[in-house]
């Protein structure tokens, strides 16, 4: 018998002394198989603090990324607008040349 089995048997006997054997059996059956797998309030508090820190860091990273994306979108929009303005000026220049110089006669 392992040390855990001995402790469980002693616990069963003490419960049976204060209650009955059937109740002791029911309680012992519901004990976790490995006490090391139980989570304590302290464990949960540490996990909460760790997750809180990670969420805060993630939020900061997302805000930083949002700022970079906004700057990039603004730069890209300016590039497109300048390209469109250049195209529009070229077309206007072409029409101005045609209006001033006239269209050469065919043939």
PDB file of N, CA and C in Angstrom:
ATOM      1  N   UNK A   1       0.834  -1.176   0.000  1.00  0.00           N
ATOM      2  CA  UNK A   1       0.000   0.000   0.000  1.00  0.00           C
ATOM      3  C   UNK A   1       0.887   1.250   0.000  1.00  0.00           C
ATOM      4  N   UNK A   2       0.530   2.235  -0.858  1.00  0.00           N
ATOM      5  CA  UNK A   2       1.321   3.470  -0.915  1.00  0.00           C
ATOM      6  C   UNK A   2       0.949   4.374   0.257  1.00  0.00           C
ATOM      7  N   UNK A   3       1.750   5.408   0.438  1.00  0.00           N
ATOM      8  CA  UNK A   3       1.489   6.355   1.522  1.00  0.00           C
ATOM      9  C   UNK A   3       0.136   7.034   1.334  1.00  0.00           C
ATOM     10  N   UNK A   4      -0.201   7.343   0.085  1.00  0.00           N
ATOM     11  CA  UNK A   4      -1.490   7.963  -0.209  1.00  0.00           C
ATOM     12  C   UNK A   4      -2.630   7.012   0.124  1.00  0.00           C
ATOM     13  N   UNK A   5      -2.458   5.736  -0.203  1.00  0.00           N
ATOM     14  CA  UNK A   5      -3.499   4.745   0.110  1.00  0.00           C
ATOM     15  C   UNK A   5      -3.691   4.612   1.620  1.00  0.00           C
ATOM     16  N   UNK A   6      -2.599   4.662   2.357  1.00  0.00           N
ATOM     17  CA  UNK A   6      -2.676   4.576   3.817  1.00  0.00           C
ATOM     18  C   UNK A   6      -3.430   5.785   4.363  1.00  0.00           C
ATOM     19  N   UNK A   7      -3.080   6.973   3.882  1.00  0.00           N
ATOM     20  CA  UNK A   7      -3.748   8.198   4.336  1.00  0.00           C
ATOM     21  C   UNK A   7      -5.235   8.165   3.987  1.00  0.00           C
ATOM     22  N   UNK A   8      -5.563   7.660   2.807  1.00  0.00           N
ATOM     23  CA  UNK A   8      -6.964   7.560   2.398  1.00  0.00           C
ATOM     24  C   UNK A   8      -7.710   6.591   3.300  1.00  0.00           C
ATOM     25  N   UNK A   9      -7.090   5.468   3.635  1.00  0.00           N
ATOM     26  CA  UNK A   9      -7.729   4.482   4.519  1.00  0.00           C
ATOM     27  C   UNK A   9      -7.956   5.066   5.912  1.00  0.00           C
ATOM     28  N   UNK A  10      -6.980   5.821   6.431  1.00  0.00           N
ATOM     29  CA  UNK A  10      -7.129   6.461   7.746  1.00  0.00           C
ATOM     30  C   UNK A  10      -8.263   7.480   7.691  1.00  0.00           C
ATOM     31  N   UNK A  11      -8.316   8.265   6.621  1.00  0.00           N
ATOM     32  CA  UNK A  11      -9.386   9.250   6.457  1.00  0.00           C
ATOM     33  C   UNK A  11     -10.742   8.557   6.408  1.00  0.00           C
ATOM     34  N   UNK A  12     -10.827   7.465   5.670  1.00  0.00           N
ATOM     35  CA  UNK A  12     -12.075   6.705   5.564  1.00  0.00           C
ATOM     36  C   UNK A  12     -12.513   6.231   6.946  1.00  0.00           C
ATOM     37  N   UNK A  13     -11.571   5.694   7.723  1.00  0.00           N
ATOM     38  CA  UNK A  13     -11.902   5.177   9.050  1.00  0.00           C
ATOM     39  C   UNK A  13     -12.409   6.305   9.954  1.00  0.00           C
ATOM     40  N   UNK A  14     -11.749   7.482   9.897  1.00  0.00           N
ATOM     41  CA  UNK A  14     -12.161   8.595  10.751  1.00  0.00           C
ATOM     42  C   UNK A  14     -13.535   9.122  10.344  1.00  0.00           C
ATOM     43  N   UNK A  15     -13.793   9.192   9.059  1.00  0.00           N
ATOM     44  CA  UNK A  15     -15.121   9.640   8.596  1.00  0.00           C
ATOM     45  C   UNK A  15     -16.173   8.636   9.048  1.00  0.00           C
ATOM     46  N   UNK A  16     -15.886   7.356   8.898  1.00  0.00           N
ATOM     47  CA  UNK A  16     -16.838   6.315   9.288  1.00  0.00           C
ATOM     48  C   UNK A  16     -17.116   6.355  10.794  1.00  0.00           C
ATOM     49  N   UNK A  17     -16.110   6.740  11.600  1.00  0.00           N
ATOM     50  CA  UNK A  17     -16.312   6.839  13.046  1.00  0.00           C
ATOM     51  C   UNK A  17     -17.310   7.943  13.381  1.00  0.00           C
ATOM     52  N   UNK A  18     -17.263   9.058  12.650  1.00  0.00           N
ATOM     53  CA  UNK A  18     -18.136  10.190  12.954  1.00  0.00           C
ATOM     54  C   UNK A  18     -19.460  10.122  12.201  1.00  0.00           C
ATOM     55  N   UNK A  19     -19.465   9.419  11.106  1.00  0.00           N
ATOM     56  CA  UNK A  19     -20.691   9.289  10.317  1.00  0.00           C
ATOM     57  C   UNK A  19     -20.978   7.800  10.198  1.00  0.00           C
ATOM     58  N   UNK A  20     -21.206   7.350   8.982  1.00  0.00           N
ATOM     59  CA  UNK A  20     -21.377   5.910   8.767  1.00  0.00           C
ATOM     60  C   UNK A  20     -20.491   5.473   7.618  1.00  0.00           C
ATOM     61  N   UNK A  21     -20.347   4.168   7.435  1.00  0.00           N
ATOM     62  CA  UNK A  21     -19.449   3.616   6.422  1.00  0.00           C
ATOM     63  C   UNK A  21     -19.892   4.004   5.015  1.00  0.00           C
ATOM     64  N   UNK A  22     -21.173   4.021   4.801  1.00  0.00           N
ATOM     65  CA  UNK A  22     -21.700   4.360   3.471  1.00  0.00           C
ATOM     66  C   UNK A  22     -21.332   5.801   3.097  1.00  0.00           C
ATOM     67  N   UNK A  23     -21.472   6.723   4.028  1.00  0.00           N
ATOM     68  CA  UNK A  23     -21.108   8.123   3.790  1.00  0.00           C
ATOM     69  C   UNK A  23     -19.603   8.245   3.577  1.00  0.00           C
ATOM     70  N   UNK A  24     -18.837   7.522   4.386  1.00  0.00           N
ATOM     71  CA  UNK A  24     -17.380   7.541   4.233  1.00  0.00           C
ATOM     72  C   UNK A  24     -16.990   7.028   2.855  1.00  0.00           C
ATOM     73  N   UNK A  25     -17.636   5.930   2.410  1.00  0.00           N
ATOM     74  CA  UNK A  25     -17.356   5.393   1.068  1.00  0.00           C
ATOM     75  C   UNK A  25     -17.649   6.436  -0.008  1.00  0.00           C
ATOM     76  N   UNK A  26     -18.806   7.104   0.110  1.00  0.00           N
ATOM     77  CA  UNK A  26     -19.212   8.097  -0.890  1.00  0.00           C
ATOM     78  C   UNK A  26     -18.224   9.262  -0.931  1.00  0.00           C
ATOM     79  N   UNK A  27     -17.792   9.714   0.243  1.00  0.00           N
ATOM     80  CA  UNK A  27     -16.855  10.847   0.275  1.00  0.00           C
ATOM     81  C   UNK A  27     -15.485  10.462  -0.271  1.00  0.00           C
ATOM     82  N   UNK A  28     -15.003   9.301   0.089  1.00  0.00           N
ATOM     83  CA  UNK A  28     -13.689   8.855  -0.387  1.00  0.00           C
ATOM     84  C   UNK A  28     -13.701   8.649  -1.901  1.00  0.00           C
ATOM     85  N   UNK A  29     -14.816   8.167  -2.457  1.00  0.00           N
ATOM     86  CA  UNK A  29     -14.924   7.967  -3.911  1.00  0.00           C
ATOM     87  C   UNK A  29     -14.814   9.289  -4.665  1.00  0.00           C
ATOM     88  N   UNK A  30     -15.206  10.370  -4.009  1.00  0.00           N
ATOM     89  CA  UNK A  30     -15.203  11.680  -4.683  1.00  0.00           C
ATOM     90  C   UNK A  30     -13.895  12.449  -4.501  1.00  0.00           C
ATOM     91  N   UNK A  31     -12.962  11.876  -3.798  1.00  0.00           N
ATOM     92  CA  UNK A  31     -11.664  12.533  -3.643  1.00  0.00           C
ATOM     93  C   UNK A  31     -10.932  12.550  -4.986  1.00  0.00           C
ATOM     94  N   UNK A  32     -10.200  13.604  -5.255  1.00  0.00           N
ATOM     95  CA  UNK A  32      -9.444  13.636  -6.521  1.00  0.00           C
ATOM     96  C   UNK A  32      -8.353  12.564  -6.507  1.00  0.00           C
ATOM     97  N   UNK A  33      -8.073  11.987  -7.670  1.00  0.00           N
ATOM     98  CA  UNK A  33      -7.055  10.940  -7.728  1.00  0.00           C
ATOM     99  C   UNK A  33      -5.642  11.485  -7.474  1.00  0.00           C
ATOM    100  N   UNK A  34      -5.423  12.748  -7.804  1.00  0.00           N
ATOM    101  CA  UNK A  34      -4.098  13.332  -7.627  1.00  0.00           C
ATOM    102  C   UNK A  34      -4.253  14.722  -7.038  1.00  0.00           C
ATOM    103  N   UNK A  35      -3.880  14.875  -5.781  1.00  0.00           N
ATOM    104  CA  UNK A  35      -4.038  16.154  -5.094  1.00  0.00           C
ATOM    105  C   UNK A  35      -3.185  17.239  -5.724  1.00  0.00           C
ATOM    106  N   UNK A  36      -2.142  16.869  -6.421  1.00  0.00           N
ATOM    107  CA  UNK A  36      -1.274  17.851  -7.073  1.00  0.00           C
ATOM    108  C   UNK A  36      -1.990  18.552  -8.229  1.00  0.00           C
ATOM    109  N   UNK A  37      -3.067  17.948  -8.721  1.00  0.00           N
ATOM    110  CA  UNK A  37      -3.793  18.540  -9.851  1.00  0.00           C
ATOM    111  C   UNK A  37      -4.846  19.543  -9.407  1.00  0.00           C
ATOM    112  N   UNK A  38      -5.059  19.660  -8.103  1.00  0.00           N
ATOM    113  CA  UNK A  38      -6.032  20.636  -7.619  1.00  0.00           C
ATOM    114  C   UNK A  38      -5.468  22.042  -7.751  1.00  0.00           C
ATOM    115  N   UNK A  39      -6.345  22.986  -8.009  1.00  0.00           N
ATOM    116  CA  UNK A  39      -5.948  24.384  -8.148  1.00  0.00           C
ATOM    117  C   UNK A  39      -6.395  25.121  -6.891  1.00  0.00           C
ATOM    118  N   UNK A  40      -5.498  25.927  -6.351  1.00  0.00           N
ATOM    119  CA  UNK A  40      -5.838  26.710  -5.167  1.00  0.00           C
ATOM    120  C   UNK A  40      -6.235  28.125  -5.581  1.00  0.00           C
ATOM    121  N   UNK A  41      -6.784  28.864  -4.636  1.00  0.00           N
ATOM    122  CA  UNK A  41      -7.130  30.270  -4.905  1.00  0.00           C
ATOM    123  C   UNK A  41      -5.875  31.067  -5.249  1.00  0.00           C
ATOM    124  N   UNK A  42      -4.784  30.722  -4.603  1.00  0.00           N
ATOM    125  CA  UNK A  42      -3.508  31.399  -4.898  1.00  0.00           C
ATOM    126  C   UNK A  42      -3.071  31.118  -6.330  1.00  0.00           C
ATOM    127  N   UNK A  43      -3.229  29.857  -6.755  1.00  0.00           N
ATOM    128  CA  UNK A  43      -2.896  29.504  -8.145  1.00  0.00           C
ATOM    129  C   UNK A  43      -3.735  30.330  -9.116  1.00  0.00           C
ATOM    130  N   UNK A  44      -5.029  30.445  -8.824  1.00  0.00           N
ATOM    131  CA  UNK A  44      -5.922  31.213  -9.699  1.00  0.00           C
ATOM    132  C   UNK A  44      -5.569  32.697  -9.691  1.00  0.00           C
ATOM    133  N   UNK A  45      -5.197  33.217  -8.520  1.00  0.00           N
ATOM    134  CA  UNK A  45      -4.806  34.628  -8.441  1.00  0.00           C
ATOM    135  C   UNK A  45      -3.552  34.885  -9.269  1.00  0.00           C
ATOM    136  N   UNK A  46      -2.573  33.983  -9.178  1.00  0.00           N
ATOM    137  CA  UNK A  46      -1.354  34.133  -9.984  1.00  0.00           C
ATOM    138  C   UNK A  46      -1.670  34.062 -11.470  1.00  0.00           C
ATOM    139  N   UNK A  47      -2.517  33.111 -11.836  1.00  0.00           N
ATOM    140  CA  UNK A  47      -2.901  32.971 -13.240  1.00  0.00           C
ATOM    141  C   UNK A  47      -3.620  34.227 -13.721  1.00  0.00           C
ATOM    142  N   UNK A  48      -4.522  34.746 -12.883  1.00  0.00           N
ATOM    143  CA  UNK A  48      -5.238  35.970 -13.242  1.00  0.00           C
ATOM    144  C   UNK A  48      -4.288  37.141 -13.441  1.00  0.00           C
ATOM    145  N   UNK A  49      -3.319  37.271 -12.540  1.00  0.00           N
ATOM    146  CA  UNK A  49      -2.347  38.360 -12.662  1.00  0.00           C
ATOM    147  C   UNK A  49      -1.505  38.186 -13.922  1.00  0.00           C
ATOM    148  N   UNK A  50      -1.098  36.956 -14.202  1.00  0.00           N
ATOM    149  CA  UNK A  50      -0.295  36.674 -15.394  1.00  0.00           C
ATOM    150  C   UNK A  50      -1.095  36.983 -16.662  1.00  0.00           C
ATOM    151  N   UNK A  51      -2.340  36.519 -16.697  1.00  0.00           N
ATOM    152  CA  UNK A  51      -3.177  36.792 -17.870  1.00  0.00           C
ATOM    153  C   UNK A  51      -3.466  38.283 -18.002  1.00  0.00           C
ATOM    154  N   UNK A  52      -3.689  38.949 -16.861  1.00  0.00           N
ATOM    155  CA  UNK A  52      -3.931  40.394 -16.898  1.00  0.00           C
ATOM    156  C   UNK A  52      -2.747  41.133 -17.502  1.00  0.00           C
ATOM    157  N   UNK A  53      -1.537  40.736 -17.106  1.00  0.00           N
ATOM    158  CA  UNK A  53      -0.336  41.354 -17.664  1.00  0.00           C
ATOM    159  C   UNK A  53      -0.200  41.105 -19.148  1.00  0.00           C
ATOM    160  N   UNK A  54      -0.509  39.873 -19.548  1.00  0.00           N
ATOM    161  CA  UNK A  54      -0.408  39.544 -20.975  1.00  0.00           C
ATOM    162  C   UNK A  54      -1.462  40.283 -21.787  1.00  0.00           C
ATOM    163  N   UNK A  55      -2.650  40.424 -21.246  1.00  0.00           N
ATOM    164  CA  UNK A  55      -3.709  41.158 -21.948  1.00  0.00           C
ATOM    165  C   UNK A  55      -3.330  42.628 -22.084  1.00  0.00           C
ATOM    166  N   UNK A  56      -2.757  43.193 -21.030  1.00  0.00           N
ATOM    167  CA  UNK A  56      -2.305  44.592 -21.078  1.00  0.00           C
ATOM    168  C   UNK A  56      -1.223  44.771 -22.140  1.00  0.00           C
ATOM    169  N   UNK A  57      -0.268  43.836 -22.175  1.00  0.00           N
ATOM    170  CA  UNK A  57       0.802  43.910 -23.183  1.00  0.00           C
ATOM    171  C   UNK A  57       0.225  43.759 -24.589  1.00  0.00           C
ATOM    172  N   UNK A  58      -0.735  42.858 -24.742  1.00  0.00           N
ATOM    173  CA  UNK A  58      -1.361  42.659 -26.051  1.00  0.00           C
ATOM    174  C   UNK A  58      -2.115  43.903 -26.492  1.00  0.00           C
ATOM    175  N   UNK A  59      -2.819  44.528 -25.564  1.00  0.00           N
ATOM    176  CA  UNK A  59      -3.550  45.758 -25.897  1.00  0.00           C
ATOM    177  C   UNK A  59      -2.582  46.858 -26.328  1.00  0.00           C
ATOM    178  N   UNK A  60      -1.455  46.973 -25.631  1.00  0.00           N
ATOM    179  CA  UNK A  60      -0.459  47.987 -26.001  1.00  0.00           C
ATOM    180  C   UNK A  60       0.120  47.699 -27.384  1.00  0.00           C
ATOM    181  N   UNK A  61       0.397  46.421 -27.666  1.00  0.00           N
ATOM    182  CA  UNK A  61       0.925  46.048 -28.980  1.00  0.00           C
ATOM    183  C   UNK A  61      -0.095  46.342 -30.077  1.00  0.00           C
ATOM    184  N   UNK A  62      -1.371  46.089 -29.798  1.00  0.00           N
ATOM    185  CA  UNK A  62      -2.409  46.361 -30.791  1.00  0.00           C
ATOM    186  C   UNK A  62      -2.551  47.861 -31.046  1.00  0.00           C
ATOM    187  N   UNK A  63      -2.455  48.664 -29.982  1.00  0.00           N
ATOM    188  CA  UNK A  63      -2.529  50.116 -30.156  1.00  0.00           C
ATOM    189  C   UNK A  63      -1.351  50.615 -30.985  1.00  0.00           C
ATOM    190  N   UNK A  64      -0.177  50.074 -30.726  1.00  0.00           N
ATOM    191  CA  UNK A  64       1.006  50.460 -31.495  1.00  0.00           C
ATOM    192  C   UNK A  64       0.828  50.078 -32.958  1.00  0.00           C
ATOM    193  N   UNK A  65       0.307  48.867 -33.188  1.00  0.00           N
ATOM    194  CA  UNK A  65       0.088  48.397 -34.552  1.00  0.00           C
ATOM    195  C   UNK A  65      -0.969  49.261 -35.242  1.00  0.00           C
ATOM    196  N   UNK A  66      -1.992  49.640 -34.493  1.00  0.00           N
ATOM    197  CA  UNK A  66      -3.036  50.484 -35.057  1.00  0.00           C
ATOM    198  C   UNK A  66      -2.448  51.821 -35.517  1.00  0.00           C
ATOM    199  N   UNK A  67      -1.566  52.394 -34.696  1.00  0.00           N
ATOM    200  CA  UNK A  67      -0.924  53.657 -35.066  1.00  0.00           C
ATOM    201  C   UNK A  67      -0.083  53.516 -36.320  1.00  0.00           C
ATOM    202  N   UNK A  68       0.681  52.418 -36.387  1.00  0.00           N
ATOM    203  CA  UNK A  68       1.503  52.190 -37.593  1.00  0.00           C
ATOM    204  C   UNK A  68       0.626  52.001 -38.821  1.00  0.00           C
ATOM    205  N   UNK A  69      -0.478  51.264 -38.678  1.00  0.00           N
ATOM    206  CA  UNK A  69      -1.377  51.056 -39.818  1.00  0.00           C
ATOM    207  C   UNK A  69      -2.023  52.365 -40.258  1.00  0.00           C
ATOM    208  N   UNK A  70      -2.409  53.199 -39.283  1.00  0.00           N
ATOM    209  CA  UNK A  70      -3.005  54.489 -39.639  1.00  0.00           C
ATOM    210  C   UNK A  70      -2.004  55.363 -40.393  1.00  0.00           C
ATOM    211  N   UNK A  71      -0.759  55.400 -39.923  1.00  0.00           N
ATOM    212  CA  UNK A  71       0.266  56.194 -40.618  1.00  0.00           C
ATOM    213  C   UNK A  71       0.512  55.649 -42.015  1.00  0.00           C
ATOM    214  N   UNK A  72       0.560  54.332 -42.135  1.00  0.00           N
ATOM    215  CA  UNK A  72       0.806  53.732 -43.448  1.00  0.00           C
ATOM    216  C   UNK A  72      -0.365  53.994 -44.386  1.00  0.00           C
ATOM    217  N   UNK A  73      -1.586  53.875 -43.881  1.00  0.00           N
ATOM    218  CA  UNK A  73      -2.765  54.138 -44.716  1.00  0.00           C
ATOM    219  C   UNK A  73      -2.780  55.586 -45.174  1.00  0.00           C
ATOM    220  N   UNK A  74      -2.437  56.515 -44.270  1.00  0.00           N
ATOM    221  CA  UNK A  74      -2.393  57.927 -44.649  1.00  0.00           C
ATOM    222  C   UNK A  74      -1.332  58.164 -45.716  1.00  0.00           C
ATOM    223  N   UNK A  75      -0.150  57.542 -45.553  1.00  0.00           N
ATOM    224  CA  UNK A  75       0.928  57.697 -46.540  1.00  0.00           C
ATOM    225  C   UNK A  75       0.492  57.109 -47.887  1.00  0.00           C
ATOM    226  N   UNK A  76      -0.113  55.935 -47.859  1.00  0.00           N
ATOM    227  CA  UNK A  76      -0.560  55.304 -49.103  1.00  0.00           C
ATOM    228  C   UNK A  76      -1.652  56.123 -49.779  1.00  0.00           C
ATOM    229  N   UNK A  77      -2.548  56.703 -48.975  1.00  0.00           N
ATOM    230  CA  UNK A  77      -3.609  57.538 -49.535  1.00  0.00           C
ATOM    231  C   UNK A  77      -3.018  58.784 -50.189  1.00  0.00           C
ATOM    232  N   UNK A  78      -2.033  59.400 -49.535  1.00  0.00           N
ATOM    233  CA  UNK A  78      -1.372  60.564 -50.137  1.00  0.00           C
ATOM    234  C   UNK A  78      -0.720  60.176 -51.464  1.00  0.00           C
ATOM    235  N   UNK A  79      -0.069  59.020 -51.502  1.00  0.00           N
ATOM    236  CA  UNK A  79       0.587  58.563 -52.726  1.00  0.00           C
ATOM    237  C   UNK A  79      -0.429  58.413 -53.854  1.00  0.00           C
ATOM    238  N   UNK A  80      -1.559  57.785 -53.542  1.00  0.00           N
ATOM    239  CA  UNK A  80      -2.594  57.590 -54.563  1.00  0.00           C
ATOM    240  C   UNK A  80      -3.172  58.930 -55.000  1.00  0.00           C
ATOM    241  N   UNK A  81      -3.418  59.821 -54.054  1.00  0.00           N
ATOM    242  CA  UNK A  81      -3.974  61.129 -54.412  1.00  0.00           C
ATOM    243  C   UNK A  81      -3.010  61.934 -55.273  1.00  0.00           C
ATOM    244  N   UNK A  82      -1.707  61.903 -54.936  1.00  0.00           N
ATOM    245  CA  UNK A  82      -0.726  62.619 -55.754  1.00  0.00           C
ATOM    246  C   UNK A  82      -0.624  62.000 -57.148  1.00  0.00           C
ATOM    247  N   UNK A  83      -0.681  60.676 -57.218  1.00  0.00           N
ATOM    248  CA  UNK A  83      -0.629  60.017 -58.526  1.00  0.00           C
ATOM    249  C   UNK A  83      -1.859  60.405 -59.350  1.00  0.00           C
ATOM    250  N   UNK A  84      -3.026  60.427 -58.730  1.00  0.00           N
ATOM    251  CA  UNK A  84      -4.244  60.807 -59.436  1.00  0.00           C
ATOM    252  C   UNK A  84      -4.178  62.269 -59.877  1.00  0.00           C
ATOM    253  N   UNK A  85      -3.673  63.126 -58.975  1.00  0.00           N
ATOM    254  CA  UNK A  85      -3.548  64.543 -59.328  1.00  0.00           C
ATOM    255  C   UNK A  85      -2.587  64.716 -60.498  1.00  0.00           C
ATOM    256  N   UNK A  86      -1.482  63.983 -60.510  1.00  0.00           N
ATOM    257  CA  UNK A  86      -0.535  64.032 -61.632  1.00  0.00           C
ATOM    258  C   UNK A  86      -1.182  63.579 -62.920  1.00  0.00           C
ATOM    259  N   UNK A  87      -1.960  62.507 -62.848  1.00  0.00           N
ATOM    260  CA  UNK A  87      -2.662  62.007 -64.024  1.00  0.00           C
ATOM    261  C   UNK A  87      -3.672  63.044 -64.522  1.00  0.00           C
ATOM    262  N   UNK A  88      -4.419  63.631 -63.583  1.00  0.00           N
ATOM    263  CA  UNK A  88      -5.417  64.631 -63.959  1.00  0.00           C
ATOM    264  C   UNK A  88      -4.754  65.847 -64.608  1.00  0.00           C
ATOM    265  N   UNK A  89      -3.622  66.285 -64.071  1.00  0.00           N
ATOM    266  CA  UNK A  89      -2.907  67.421 -64.667  1.00  0.00           C
ATOM    267  C   UNK A  89      -2.395  67.072 -66.063  1.00  0.00           C
ATOM    268  N   UNK A  90      -1.928  65.855 -66.238  1.00  0.00           N
ATOM    269  CA  UNK A  90      -1.436  65.440 -67.562  1.00  0.00           C
ATOM    270  C   UNK A  90      -2.575  65.444 -68.578  1.00  0.00           C
ATOM    271  N   UNK A  91      -3.729  64.938 -68.180  1.00  0.00           N
ATOM    272  CA  UNK A  91      -4.888  64.916 -69.083  1.00  0.00           C
ATOM    273  C   UNK A  91      -5.329  66.343 -69.391  1.00  0.00           C
ATOM    274  N   UNK A  92      -5.372  67.199 -68.353  1.00  0.00           N
ATOM    275  CA  UNK A  92      -5.758  68.596 -68.594  1.00  0.00           C
ATOM    276  C   UNK A  92      -4.758  69.285 -69.520  1.00  0.00           C
ATOM    277  N   UNK A  93      -3.475  69.003 -69.364  1.00  0.00           N
ATOM    278  CA  UNK A  93      -2.458  69.575 -70.244  1.00  0.00           C
ATOM    279  C   UNK A  93      -2.651  69.116 -71.673  1.00  0.00           C
ATOM    280  N   UNK A  94      -2.981  67.851 -71.854  1.00  0.00           N
ATOM    281  CA  UNK A  94      -3.196  67.324 -73.192  1.00  0.00           C
ATOM    282  C   UNK A  94      -4.391  68.018 -73.853  1.00  0.00           C
ATOM    283  N   UNK A  95      -5.502  68.160 -73.112  1.00  0.00           N
ATOM    284  CA  UNK A  95      -6.672  68.824 -73.676  1.00  0.00           C
ATOM    285  C   UNK A  95      -6.395  70.293 -73.949  1.00  0.00           C
ATOM    286  N   UNK A  96      -5.619  70.930 -73.088  1.00  0.00           N
ATOM    287  CA  UNK A  96      -5.262  72.330 -73.307  1.00  0.00           C
ATOM    288  C   UNK A  96      -4.442  72.466 -74.581  1.00  0.00           C
ATOM    289  N   UNK A  97      -3.491  71.570 -74.794  1.00  0.00           N
ATOM    290  CA  UNK A  97      -2.670  71.595 -75.999  1.00  0.00           C
ATOM    291  C   UNK A  97      -3.545  71.420 -77.224  1.00  0.00           C
ATOM    292  N   UNK A  98      -4.494  70.511 -77.147  1.00  0.00           N
ATOM    293  CA  UNK A  98      -5.384  70.267 -78.299  1.00  0.00           C
ATOM    294  C   UNK A  98      -6.251  71.489 -78.552  1.00  0.00           C
ATOM    295  N   UNK A  99      -6.762  72.117 -77.505  1.00  0.00           N
ATOM    296  CA  UNK A  99      -7.627  73.282 -77.688  1.00  0.00           C
ATOM    297  C   UNK A  99      -6.834  74.484 -78.227  1.00  0.00           C
ATOM    298  N   UNK A 100      -5.621  74.681 -77.748  1.00  0.00           N
ATOM    299  CA  UNK A 100      -4.831  75.826 -78.172  1.00  0.00           C
ATOM    300  C   UNK A 100      -4.272  75.606 -79.563  1.00  0.00           C
ATOM    301  N   UNK A 101      -3.714  74.448 -79.798  1.00  0.00           N
ATOM    302  CA  UNK A 101      -3.061  74.189 -81.080  1.00  0.00           C
ATOM    303  C   UNK A 101      -4.061  73.752 -82.121  1.00  0.00           C
ATOM    304  N   UNK A 102      -5.175  73.262 -81.702  1.00  0.00           N
ATOM    305  CA  UNK A 102      -6.147  72.741 -82.646  1.00  0.00           C
ATOM    306  C   UNK A 102      -5.798  71.312 -83.027  1.00  0.00           C
ATOM    307  N   UNK A 103      -6.760  70.669 -83.616  1.00  0.00           N
ATOM    308  CA  UNK A 103      -6.557  69.299 -84.052  1.00  0.00           C
ATOM    309  C   UNK A 103      -6.064  69.362 -85.477  1.00  0.00           C
ATOM    310  N   UNK A 104      -4.927  68.724 -85.782  1.00  0.00           N
ATOM    311  CA  UNK A 104      -4.431  68.781 -87.159  1.00  0.00           C
ATOM    312  C   UNK A 104      -5.435  68.163 -88.128  1.00  0.00           C
ATOM    313  N   UNK A 105      -5.511  68.741 -89.280  1.00  0.00           N
ATOM    314  CA  UNK A 105      -6.442  68.231 -90.302  1.00  0.00           C
ATOM    315  C   UNK A 105      -5.960  66.886 -90.809  1.00  0.00           C
ATOM    316  N   UNK A 106      -6.880  66.051 -91.064  1.00  0.00           N
ATOM    317  CA  UNK A 106      -6.547  64.724 -91.564  1.00  0.00           C
ATOM    318  C   UNK A 106      -6.243  64.823 -93.050  1.00  0.00           C
ATOM    319  N   UNK A 107      -5.259  64.085 -93.449  1.00  0.00           N
ATOM    320  CA  UNK A 107      -4.976  63.832 -94.797  1.00  0.00           C
ATOM    321  C   UNK A 107      -4.349  64.738 -95.666  1.00  0.00           C
TER     322      UNK A 107
END
